[in-house]
C-alpha atoms as a PDB file:
ATOM      1  CA  MET A   1      25.359 -22.453 -65.613  1.00  0.00           C
ATOM      2  CA  ALA A   2      23.775 -22.035 -62.177  1.00  0.00           C
ATOM      3  CA  TRP A   3      25.221 -19.921 -59.405  1.00  0.00           C
ATOM      4  CA  ARG A   4      25.262 -21.139 -55.860  1.00  0.00           C
ATOM      5  CA  PHE A   5      23.751 -18.803 -53.252  1.00  0.00           C
ATOM      6  CA  HIS A   6      26.403 -17.437 -50.883  1.00  0.00           C
ATOM      7  CA  GLY A   7      24.428 -14.797 -49.001  1.00  0.00           C
ATOM      8  CA  ARG A   8      26.879 -12.200 -47.721  1.00  0.00           C
ATOM      9  CA  ALA A   9      29.841 -14.555 -47.550  1.00  0.00           C
ATOM     10  CA  ARG A  10      32.970 -13.801 -49.542  1.00  0.00           C
ATOM     11  CA  VAL A  11      34.242 -16.570 -51.802  1.00  0.00           C
ATOM     12  CA  SER A  12      37.907 -16.873 -52.755  1.00  0.00           C
ATOM     13  CA  ALA A  13      39.678 -19.716 -54.547  1.00  0.00           C
ATOM     14  CA  ARG A  14      43.082 -18.610 -53.181  1.00  0.00           C
ATOM     15  CA  ASN A  15      41.976 -18.108 -49.562  1.00  0.00           C
ATOM     16  CA  PRO A  16      38.954 -20.311 -48.826  1.00  0.00           C
ATOM     17  CA  GLU A  17      37.045 -19.609 -45.605  1.00  0.00           C
ATOM     18  CA  ALA A  18      34.234 -21.469 -43.883  1.00  0.00           C
ATOM     19  CA  PHE A  19      30.641 -20.300 -44.187  1.00  0.00           C
ATOM     20  CA  GLY A  20      28.294 -19.844 -41.273  1.00  0.00           C
ATOM     21  CA  VAL A  21      24.659 -18.922 -40.793  1.00  0.00           C
ATOM     22  CA  CYS A  22      23.591 -16.077 -38.508  1.00  0.00           C
ATOM     23  CA  ASP A  23      21.451 -17.549 -35.720  1.00  0.00           C
ATOM     24  CA  ARG A  24      19.076 -14.564 -35.804  1.00  0.00           C
ATOM     25  CA  CYS A  25      18.502 -13.620 -39.423  1.00  0.00           C
ATOM     26  CA  GLY A  26      19.584 -16.856 -41.162  1.00  0.00           C
ATOM     27  CA  ILE A  27      21.806 -15.153 -43.765  1.00  0.00           C
ATOM     28  CA  TRP A  28      25.118 -16.759 -44.745  1.00  0.00           C
ATOM     29  CA  TYR A  29      28.351 -15.021 -43.738  1.00  0.00           C
ATOM     30  CA  ASN A  30      31.954 -16.038 -43.430  1.00  0.00           C
ATOM     31  CA  LEU A  31      32.322 -17.810 -40.093  1.00  0.00           C
ATOM     32  CA  ASN A  32      35.029 -15.427 -38.915  1.00  0.00           C
ATOM     33  CA  ASP A  33      32.613 -12.490 -39.515  1.00  0.00           C
ATOM     34  CA  LEU A  34      30.042 -13.944 -37.114  1.00  0.00           C
ATOM     35  CA  ARG A  35      30.583 -13.191 -33.456  1.00  0.00           C
ATOM     36  CA  PHE A  36      29.198 -14.572 -30.232  1.00  0.00           C
ATOM     37  CA  GLN A  37      26.325 -12.821 -28.485  1.00  0.00           C
ATOM     38  CA  TYR A  38      26.943 -11.874 -24.830  1.00  0.00           C
ATOM     39  CA  ASP A  39      24.479 -10.756 -22.173  1.00  0.00           C
ATOM     40  CA  TRP A  40      24.500 -10.013 -18.450  1.00  0.00           C
ATOM     41  CA  ARG A  41      23.890 -13.017 -16.204  1.00  0.00           C
ATOM     42  CA  GLY A  42      24.378 -11.979 -12.622  1.00  0.00           C
ATOM     43  CA  ASN A  43      27.446  -9.824 -12.214  1.00  0.00           C
ATOM     44  CA  ARG A  44      29.289 -10.951 -15.343  1.00  0.00           C
ATOM     45  CA  LEU A  45      28.881 -11.168 -19.094  1.00  0.00           C
ATOM     46  CA  MET A  46      27.985 -14.656 -20.296  1.00  0.00           C
ATOM     47  CA  ASN A  47      28.349 -16.136 -23.759  1.00  0.00           C
ATOM     48  CA  LEU A  48      24.897 -17.148 -25.046  1.00  0.00           C
ATOM     49  CA  ASN A  49      26.476 -19.339 -27.786  1.00  0.00           C
ATOM     50  CA  PHE A  50      24.630 -17.528 -30.565  1.00  0.00           C
ATOM     51  CA  ARG A  51      26.710 -16.680 -33.628  1.00  0.00           C
ATOM     52  CA  VAL A  52      25.299 -13.459 -35.049  1.00  0.00           C
ATOM     53  CA  CYS A  53      26.259 -11.024 -37.786  1.00  0.00           C
ATOM     54  CA  HIS A  54      27.199  -7.416 -37.178  1.00  0.00           C
ATOM     55  CA  ARG A  55      23.662  -6.272 -38.074  1.00  0.00           C
ATOM     56  CA  CYS A  56      21.983  -8.605 -35.549  1.00  0.00           C
ATOM     57  CA  TYR A  57      24.489  -8.168 -32.738  1.00  0.00           C
ATOM     58  CA  ASP A  58      22.930  -6.672 -29.590  1.00  0.00           C
ATOM     59  CA  LYS A  59      25.031  -4.721 -27.176  1.00  0.00           C
ATOM     60  CA  PRO A  60      24.621  -6.255 -23.682  1.00  0.00           C
ATOM     61  CA  PHE A  61      21.684  -4.552 -21.951  1.00  0.00           C
ATOM     62  CA  GLU A  62      22.985  -2.680 -18.889  1.00  0.00           C
ATOM     63  CA  HIS A  63      19.654  -2.878 -17.051  1.00  0.00           C
ATOM     64  CA  TYR A  64      20.078  -6.661 -16.707  1.00  0.00           C
ATOM     65  CA  ARG A  65      23.226  -5.983 -14.715  1.00  0.00           C
ATOM     66  CA  PRO A  66      22.535  -6.218 -10.972  1.00  0.00           C
ATOM     67  CA  ILE A  67      22.904  -3.180  -8.756  1.00  0.00           C
ATOM     68  CA  ILE A  68      25.782  -3.513  -6.327  1.00  0.00           C
ATOM     69  CA  VAL A  69      24.637  -2.022  -3.041  1.00  0.00           C
ATOM     70  CA  PRO A  70      27.421  -0.596  -0.892  1.00  0.00           C
ATOM     71  CA  PRO A  71      27.850  -2.086   2.582  1.00  0.00           C
ATOM     72  CA  ASP A  72      26.128  -0.570   5.585  1.00  0.00           C
ATOM     73  CA  PRO A  73      28.109   2.079   7.426  1.00  0.00           C
ATOM     74  CA  VAL A  74      29.950   1.093  10.571  1.00  0.00           C
ATOM     75  CA  PRO A  75      27.669   1.689  13.577  1.00  0.00           C
ATOM     76  CA  GLN A  76      28.705   4.234  16.160  1.00  0.00           C
ATOM     77  CA  ARG A  77      29.552   3.165  19.677  1.00  0.00           C
ATOM     78  CA  ASN A  78      27.368   4.832  22.339  1.00  0.00           C
ATOM     79  CA  PRO A  79      25.209   6.970  20.031  1.00  0.00           C
ATOM     80  CA  ARG A  80      23.514  10.059  21.389  1.00  0.00           C
ATOM     81  CA  PRO A  81      20.091  10.419  19.715  1.00  0.00           C
ATOM     82  CA  ASP A  82      18.000  13.548  20.130  1.00  0.00           C
ATOM     83  CA  LEU A  83      15.618  13.320  23.086  1.00  0.00           C
ATOM     84  CA  TYR A  84      13.137  15.976  21.985  1.00  0.00           C
ATOM     85  CA  ALA A  85      11.826  14.201  18.860  1.00  0.00           C
ATOM     86  CA  PRO A  86       9.554  11.553  20.489  1.00  0.00           C
ATOM     87  CA  PHE A  87       8.214  14.041  23.049  1.00  0.00           C
ATOM     88  CA  MET A  88       6.857  16.668  20.690  1.00  0.00           C
ATOM     89  CA  ALA A  89       3.151  17.393  20.979  1.00  0.00           C
ATOM     90  CA  THR A  90       0.824  16.015  18.343  1.00  0.00           C
ATOM     91  CA  LEU A  91      -1.615  18.812  17.579  1.00  0.00           C
ATOM     92  CA  VAL A  92      -4.597  16.904  16.215  1.00  0.00           C
ATOM     93  CA  SER A  93      -8.150  18.112  16.799  1.00  0.00           C
ATOM     94  CA  ASP A  94     -11.317  18.585  14.831  1.00  0.00           C
ATOM     95  CA  THR A  95     -12.869  21.963  14.025  1.00  0.00           C
ATOM     96  CA  LEU A  96     -14.848  21.976  17.286  1.00  0.00           C
ATOM     97  CA  GLY A  97     -11.747  21.359  19.390  1.00  0.00           C
ATOM     98  CA  GLY A  98     -12.637  17.753  20.269  1.00  0.00           C
ATOM     99  CA  ASP A  99     -10.330  14.748  20.289  1.00  0.00           C
ATOM    100  CA  VAL A 100      -9.699  12.916  17.016  1.00  0.00           C
ATOM    101  CA  GLN A 101      -9.750   9.127  16.718  1.00  0.00           C
ATOM    102  CA  ASP A 102      -7.401   7.150  14.497  1.00  0.00           C
ATOM    103  CA  THR A 103      -8.551   4.372  12.136  1.00  0.00           C
ATOM    104  CA  LEU A 104      -8.413   1.754  14.907  1.00  0.00           C
ATOM    105  CA  GLY A 105     -10.688   3.756  17.201  1.00  0.00           C
ATOM    106  CA  GLY A 106      -8.019   4.988  19.591  1.00  0.00           C
ATOM    107  CA  PHE A 107      -7.701   8.618  20.524  1.00  0.00           C
ATOM    108  CA  VAL A 108      -4.876  10.590  18.968  1.00  0.00           C
ATOM    109  CA  GLN A 109      -2.835  12.142  21.729  1.00  0.00           C
ATOM    110  CA  SER A 110      -2.660  15.900  21.571  1.00  0.00           C
ATOM    111  CA  VAL A 111      -0.285  16.560  24.471  1.00  0.00           C
ATOM    112  CA  PRO A 112       3.329  15.474  24.799  1.00  0.00           C
ATOM    113  CA  PRO A 113       4.040  12.561  27.149  1.00  0.00           C
ATOM    114  CA  ALA A 114       5.990  13.140  30.318  1.00  0.00           C
ATOM    115  CA  ILE A 115       9.742  13.030  29.868  1.00  0.00           C
ATOM    116  CA  PRO A 116      11.102   9.856  31.485  1.00  0.00           C
ATOM    117  CA  PRO A 117      13.984  10.068  33.929  1.00  0.00           C
ATOM    118  CA  LEU A 118      17.411   9.772  32.348  1.00  0.00           C
ATOM    119  CA  SER A 119      18.440   7.207  34.976  1.00  0.00           C
ATOM    120  CA  ASN A 120      16.674   3.878  35.522  1.00  0.00           C
ATOM    121  CA  ALA A 121      18.465   3.078  38.771  1.00  0.00           C
ATOM    122  CA  GLY A 122      15.329   2.082  40.677  1.00  0.00           C
ATOM    123  CA  PRO A 123      12.343   3.561  42.461  1.00  0.00           C
ATOM    124  CA  THR A 124      12.354   7.062  43.800  1.00  0.00           C
ATOM    125  CA  PRO A 125      12.420   7.537  47.569  1.00  0.00           C
ATOM    126  CA  THR A 126       8.674   8.205  47.621  1.00  0.00           C
ATOM    127  CA  GLY A 127       7.959   4.638  46.371  1.00  0.00           C
ATOM    128  CA  ILE A 128       4.836   5.595  44.407  1.00  0.00           C
ATOM    129  CA  VAL A 129       3.552   2.670  42.312  1.00  0.00           C
ATOM    130  CA  THR A 130       1.630   3.095  39.048  1.00  0.00           C
ATOM    131  CA  THR A 131      -0.655   0.192  38.067  1.00  0.00           C
ATOM    132  CA  GLN A 132      -2.385  -0.257  34.700  1.00  0.00           C
ATOM    133  CA  TYR A 133      -4.246  -3.188  33.122  1.00  0.00           C
ATOM    134  CA  ALA A 134      -3.627  -4.183  29.508  1.00  0.00           C
ATOM    135  CA  ASP A 135      -4.072  -7.503  27.655  1.00  0.00           C
ATOM    136  CA  ASP A 136      -4.563  -9.668  30.790  1.00  0.00           C
ATOM    137  CA  TYR A 137      -1.406  -8.332  32.402  1.00  0.00           C
ATOM    138  CA  GLU A 138      -1.054  -6.053  35.353  1.00  0.00           C
ATOM    139  CA  ILE A 139       1.670  -3.545  34.587  1.00  0.00           C
ATOM    140  CA  THR A 140       3.293  -2.377  37.800  1.00  0.00           C
ATOM    141  CA  ALA A 141       5.947   0.292  37.601  1.00  0.00           C
ATOM    142  CA  PRO A 142       7.526   1.991  40.580  1.00  0.00           C
ATOM    143  CA  ASP A 143       7.867   5.672  39.864  1.00  0.00           C
ATOM    144  CA  GLY A 144      11.167   5.949  37.985  1.00  0.00           C
ATOM    145  CA  GLY A 145      11.764   2.175  38.120  1.00  0.00           C
ATOM    146  CA  PRO A 146      11.520  -0.759  35.699  1.00  0.00           C
ATOM    147  CA  VAL A 147       8.210  -2.135  34.378  1.00  0.00           C
ATOM    148  CA  ILE A 148       7.177  -5.489  35.881  1.00  0.00           C
ATOM    149  CA  LEU A 149       4.636  -7.709  34.053  1.00  0.00           C
ATOM    150  CA  ILE A 150       2.510  -9.814  36.418  1.00  0.00           C
ATOM    151  CA  PRO A 151      -0.150 -12.210  34.990  1.00  0.00           C
ATOM    152  CA  GLU A 152      -3.542 -11.774  36.667  1.00  0.00           C
END
């Protein structure tokens, strides 16, 4: 008399149960012993529709779960940034005391720039005008006033 292969499924004549095959290892189990495999898809767990046994079941991998970044903080109205930070001297020189060039060929400034006026209300009473040329534009700025770009 031949025996039928049942794998790891329990057989009962009084309480019959359906058989099922594990989708990973292929061994027979009772269908109610197989469970669905879940994994992270986006921000939620999703059923992958694999029926697997308890030996093949993988706990959902937390690294597939996306990182929820908190929102940006509310910006402050009328912030007061420090004024000394951009005007600090850059102490860059070679061993002979000469000027150092950056990778683009420009000279690295070794003295702090002049502190601009805190008010941009217009030219000073002296009316001194500073003119520079850069990229086909004449930059004209009254002393203490706004910069005006004039094409040449």
